[in-house]
Amino acid sequence: MDVYTTEEEQLEALKRWWKENGRSIIMGLVLALVAVFGWRAWQSYQYARGEATSGLYNQLVEAVQVSNNKADDESLATVGHLAGRLKTEFDSSIYARYAALLLARQAVENDELELAQQELQWVLDRTDPKENLRTIVELRMARLFLAKGGEGDARKALTLLETGDDSGYKASREEVRGDLYLKLGQLDEARQAYTNALTEVGRMGANKPLLQMKRDDLAEGGA
């Protein structure tokens, strides 16, 4: 009888405990399951989205190759459509920025410099200052400003290059700065920029004859 009473008391205690804690345990299990399945669903979504983005970008690259060989209205329209989809539907992806860079290059080839500037700015607006891609785009933008030919454009380019990161691209940045100063008639500054570029090229064990020619043309007393 004593054993029965003890078991009965244990059962009553268990019932009371479950009544007090059962709901929270069930809710905890439900939340854990939701978290697990939610995470798996998110991973599946991200994977599918990544596949769709890369697939669309591959189509764009192929379309660009076709348009390079056959620059008709249809092929150009295909490039614009695919790039537009990437920029609209996947604007936060690296592929969207690559698409904008392709459009910028195409615009330069068609002498549509304003359109090229818009595409490059679109990329800059979405690229972290610490990313190497930003430095590349800044250099392209600076060269674009140089191609436009105006004094105001040259000064904008110099400002852009002054605020950028030189990591790995110092020689290119200094050479473009030299070109810009030369455009503005600031020969001393151009000479110094070319010298800086040559120093960096030498440090990397490389050789750039054209850069050397630019510097030599501005030799002390020669200009």
Protein backbone atom coordinates (compact mmCIF):
# COMPACT_ATOMS: atom_id res chain seq x y z
CA MET A 1 0.00 0.00 0.00
CA ASP A 2 2.91 2.30 0.81
CA VAL A 3 4.38 1.70 -2.68
CA TYR A 4 1.05 2.43 -4.34
CA THR A 5 0.67 5.66 -2.36
CA THR A 6 4.19 6.75 -3.33
CA GLU A 7 3.60 6.04 -7.03
CA GLU A 8 0.28 7.84 -6.86
CA GLU A 9 1.96 10.86 -5.29
CA GLN A 10 4.67 10.78 -7.95
CA LEU A 11 2.04 10.66 -10.69
CA GLU A 12 0.16 13.58 -9.17
CA ALA A 13 3.42 15.53 -8.91
CA LEU A 14 4.19 14.76 -12.54
CA LYS A 15 0.74 15.92 -13.61
CA ARG A 16 1.15 19.15 -11.68
CA TRP A 17 4.61 19.72 -13.20
CA TRP A 18 3.34 19.05 -16.71
CA LYS A 19 0.40 21.38 -16.18
CA GLU A 20 2.79 24.13 -15.11
CA ASN A 21 5.54 23.52 -17.69
CA GLY A 22 4.06 21.44 -20.49
CA ARG A 23 2.94 24.39 -22.64
CA SER A 24 6.34 26.09 -22.53
CA ILE A 25 8.08 22.82 -23.45
CA ILE A 26 5.76 22.28 -26.41
CA MET A 27 6.23 25.88 -27.55
CA GLY A 28 9.99 25.48 -27.25
CA LEU A 29 9.91 22.35 -29.41
CA VAL A 30 7.66 24.04 -31.96
CA LEU A 31 9.96 27.07 -32.16
CA ALA A 32 13.00 24.84 -32.53
CA LEU A 33 11.35 22.94 -35.39
CA VAL A 34 10.29 26.18 -37.04
CA ALA A 35 13.85 27.48 -36.76
CA VAL A 36 15.34 24.32 -38.27
CA PHE A 37 12.90 24.09 -41.16
CA GLY A 38 13.00 27.85 -41.66
CA TRP A 39 16.79 27.80 -41.93
CA ARG A 40 16.66 24.93 -44.39
CA ALA A 41 14.05 26.74 -46.45
CA TRP A 42 16.18 29.91 -46.43
CA GLN A 43 19.23 27.95 -47.55
CA SER A 44 17.23 26.38 -50.37
CA TYR A 45 15.93 29.79 -51.41
CA GLN A 46 19.41 31.30 -51.38
CA TYR A 47 20.81 28.40 -53.40
CA ALA A 48 18.02 28.65 -55.98
CA ARG A 49 18.46 32.42 -56.18
CA GLY A 50 22.21 32.06 -56.65
CA GLU A 51 21.68 29.52 -59.40
CA ALA A 52 19.19 31.80 -61.15
CA THR A 53 21.52 34.79 -60.89
CA SER A 54 24.60 33.00 -62.20
CA GLY A 55 22.55 31.43 -64.99
CA LEU A 56 21.20 34.80 -66.06
CA TYR A 57 24.68 36.29 -65.97
CA ASN A 58 26.02 33.45 -68.15
CA GLN A 59 23.28 34.21 -70.65
CA LEU A 60 24.34 37.86 -70.57
CA VAL A 61 27.99 37.00 -71.26
CA GLU A 62 26.94 34.87 -74.22
CA ALA A 63 24.69 37.66 -75.51
CA VAL A 64 27.56 40.14 -75.25
CA GLN A 65 29.78 37.83 -77.28
CA VAL A 66 27.07 37.58 -79.94
CA SER A 67 26.63 41.35 -80.01
CA ASN A 68 30.40 41.81 -80.41
CA ASN A 69 30.32 39.68 -83.53
CA LYS A 70 26.95 40.87 -84.76
CA ALA A 71 26.13 44.33 -83.48
CA ASP A 72 22.55 44.52 -84.71
CA ASP A 73 19.54 45.92 -82.87
CA GLU A 74 18.30 42.51 -81.76
CA SER A 75 21.56 41.40 -80.14
CA LEU A 76 22.00 44.76 -78.44
CA ALA A 77 18.43 44.63 -77.15
CA THR A 78 19.06 41.15 -75.73
CA VAL A 79 22.09 42.40 -73.84
CA GLY A 80 20.12 45.34 -72.46
CA HIS A 81 17.21 43.11 -71.42
CA LEU A 82 19.36 40.55 -69.59
CA ALA A 83 21.48 43.18 -67.87
CA GLY A 84 18.34 45.06 -66.90
CA ARG A 85 16.88 41.96 -65.29
CA LEU A 86 20.02 41.36 -63.28
CA LYS A 87 20.09 44.96 -62.08
CA THR A 88 16.38 44.93 -61.20
CA GLU A 89 15.76 41.44 -59.84
CA PHE A 90 19.17 40.79 -58.26
CA ASP A 91 20.45 44.29 -57.61
CA SER A 92 22.35 43.30 -54.44
CA SER A 93 24.36 40.58 -56.18
CA ILE A 94 27.87 40.88 -57.60
CA TYR A 95 26.47 39.69 -60.92
CA ALA A 96 24.30 42.80 -61.16
CA ARG A 97 27.37 44.97 -60.76
CA TYR A 98 29.24 42.97 -63.37
CA ALA A 99 26.26 43.43 -65.68
CA ALA A 100 26.42 47.20 -65.19
CA LEU A 101 30.15 47.13 -65.98
CA LEU A 102 29.42 45.27 -69.22
CA LEU A 103 26.83 47.89 -70.12
CA ALA A 104 29.33 50.65 -69.33
CA ARG A 105 31.94 49.09 -71.60
CA GLN A 106 29.39 48.68 -74.36
CA ALA A 107 28.35 52.33 -73.96
CA VAL A 108 31.98 53.49 -74.25
CA GLU A 109 32.42 51.45 -77.41
CA ASN A 110 29.32 53.18 -78.82
CA ASP A 111 30.68 56.58 -77.70
CA GLU A 112 27.80 56.99 -75.25
CA LEU A 113 29.91 58.38 -72.45
CA GLU A 114 27.08 59.77 -70.35
CA LEU A 115 25.37 56.37 -70.31
CA ALA A 116 28.67 54.71 -69.39
CA GLN A 117 29.08 57.16 -66.52
CA GLN A 118 25.60 56.31 -65.22
CA GLU A 119 26.37 52.58 -65.23
CA LEU A 120 29.69 53.05 -63.45
CA GLN A 121 28.06 55.28 -60.86
CA TRP A 122 25.40 52.61 -60.32
CA VAL A 123 28.17 50.17 -59.45
CA LEU A 124 29.98 52.64 -57.19
CA ASP A 125 26.78 53.31 -55.26
CA ARG A 126 26.53 49.61 -54.45
CA THR A 127 30.16 48.78 -53.75
CA ASP A 128 31.83 48.97 -50.37
CA PRO A 129 34.93 51.23 -50.24
CA LYS A 130 36.99 48.26 -49.00
CA GLU A 131 36.24 46.08 -52.02
CA ASN A 132 38.86 45.83 -54.76
CA LEU A 133 36.08 46.18 -57.30
CA ARG A 134 35.52 49.76 -56.17
CA THR A 135 39.09 50.75 -57.03
CA ILE A 136 38.73 49.20 -60.48
CA VAL A 137 35.49 51.08 -61.10
CA GLU A 138 36.99 54.34 -59.85
CA LEU A 139 39.84 53.97 -62.33
CA ARG A 140 37.39 53.31 -65.15
CA MET A 141 35.34 56.32 -64.13
CA ALA A 142 38.46 58.49 -64.02
CA ARG A 143 39.47 57.35 -67.52
CA LEU A 144 35.94 58.08 -68.66
CA PHE A 145 36.14 61.62 -67.29
CA LEU A 146 39.48 61.97 -69.09
CA ALA A 147 37.89 60.83 -72.36
CA LYS A 148 35.10 63.39 -71.98
CA GLY A 149 37.82 66.02 -72.17
CA GLY A 150 36.47 68.84 -70.06
CA GLU A 151 38.47 70.60 -67.37
CA GLY A 152 35.65 70.08 -64.89
CA ASP A 153 35.58 66.36 -65.71
CA ALA A 154 39.34 66.10 -65.17
CA ARG A 155 39.05 67.74 -61.76
CA LYS A 156 36.19 65.40 -60.80
CA ALA A 157 38.40 62.47 -61.73
CA LEU A 158 41.26 63.75 -59.61
CA THR A 159 38.92 64.12 -56.65
CA LEU A 160 37.67 60.57 -57.18
CA LEU A 161 41.20 59.18 -57.24
CA GLU A 162 42.29 61.13 -54.18
CA THR A 163 39.66 59.47 -51.98
CA GLY A 164 40.14 55.92 -53.21
CA ASP A 165 42.17 53.00 -51.90
CA ASP A 166 45.51 52.39 -53.63
CA SER A 167 45.84 48.74 -52.61
CA GLY A 168 47.25 46.80 -55.53
CA TYR A 169 46.44 49.54 -58.03
CA LYS A 170 48.78 52.35 -57.07
CA ALA A 171 50.70 52.29 -60.36
CA SER A 172 47.52 52.51 -62.43
CA ARG A 173 46.06 55.19 -60.18
CA GLU A 174 49.20 57.33 -60.38
CA GLU A 175 49.42 56.95 -64.15
CA VAL A 176 45.83 58.10 -64.59
CA ARG A 177 46.51 60.99 -62.22
CA GLY A 178 49.45 61.92 -64.43
CA ASP A 179 47.23 61.87 -67.52
CA LEU A 180 44.70 64.10 -65.77
CA TYR A 181 47.28 66.62 -64.59
CA LEU A 182 48.73 66.69 -68.10
CA LYS A 183 45.25 67.40 -69.45
CA LEU A 184 45.01 70.34 -67.04
CA GLY A 185 48.44 71.63 -67.99
CA GLN A 186 49.85 70.96 -64.51
CA LEU A 187 53.15 69.55 -65.75
CA ASP A 188 55.01 69.33 -62.45
CA GLU A 189 52.17 67.36 -60.89
CA ALA A 190 51.94 65.14 -63.97
CA ARG A 191 55.68 64.45 -63.87
CA GLN A 192 55.52 63.52 -60.20
CA ALA A 193 52.51 61.23 -60.72
CA TYR A 194 54.26 59.41 -63.59
CA THR A 195 57.39 59.08 -61.44
CA ASN A 196 55.32 57.59 -58.62
CA ALA A 197 53.76 55.16 -61.08
CA LEU A 198 57.15 54.09 -62.44
CA THR A 199 58.45 53.57 -58.91
CA GLU A 200 55.54 51.27 -58.14
CA VAL A 201 55.94 49.42 -61.45
CA GLY A 202 59.62 48.87 -60.67
CA ARG A 203 58.79 47.65 -57.19
CA MET A 204 56.56 45.00 -58.73
CA GLY A 205 59.31 43.97 -61.16
CA ALA A 206 57.21 44.99 -64.16
CA ASN A 207 57.90 47.16 -67.20
CA LYS A 208 55.66 49.73 -68.89
CA PRO A 209 57.41 51.39 -71.84
CA LEU A 210 54.49 53.72 -72.60
CA LEU A 211 54.48 55.01 -69.03
CA GLN A 212 58.24 55.58 -69.28
CA MET A 213 57.68 57.56 -72.48
CA LYS A 214 55.11 59.73 -70.77
CA ARG A 215 57.55 60.46 -67.98
CA ASP A 216 60.45 61.11 -70.36
CA ASP A 217 58.37 63.58 -72.36
CA LEU A 218 58.07 65.61 -69.18
CA ALA A 219 61.73 65.42 -68.22
CA GLU A 220 63.05 68.38 -66.24
CA GLY A 221 63.52 71.27 -68.63
CA GLY A 222 61.91 69.32 -71.50
CA ALA A 223 58.44 70.81 -71.13
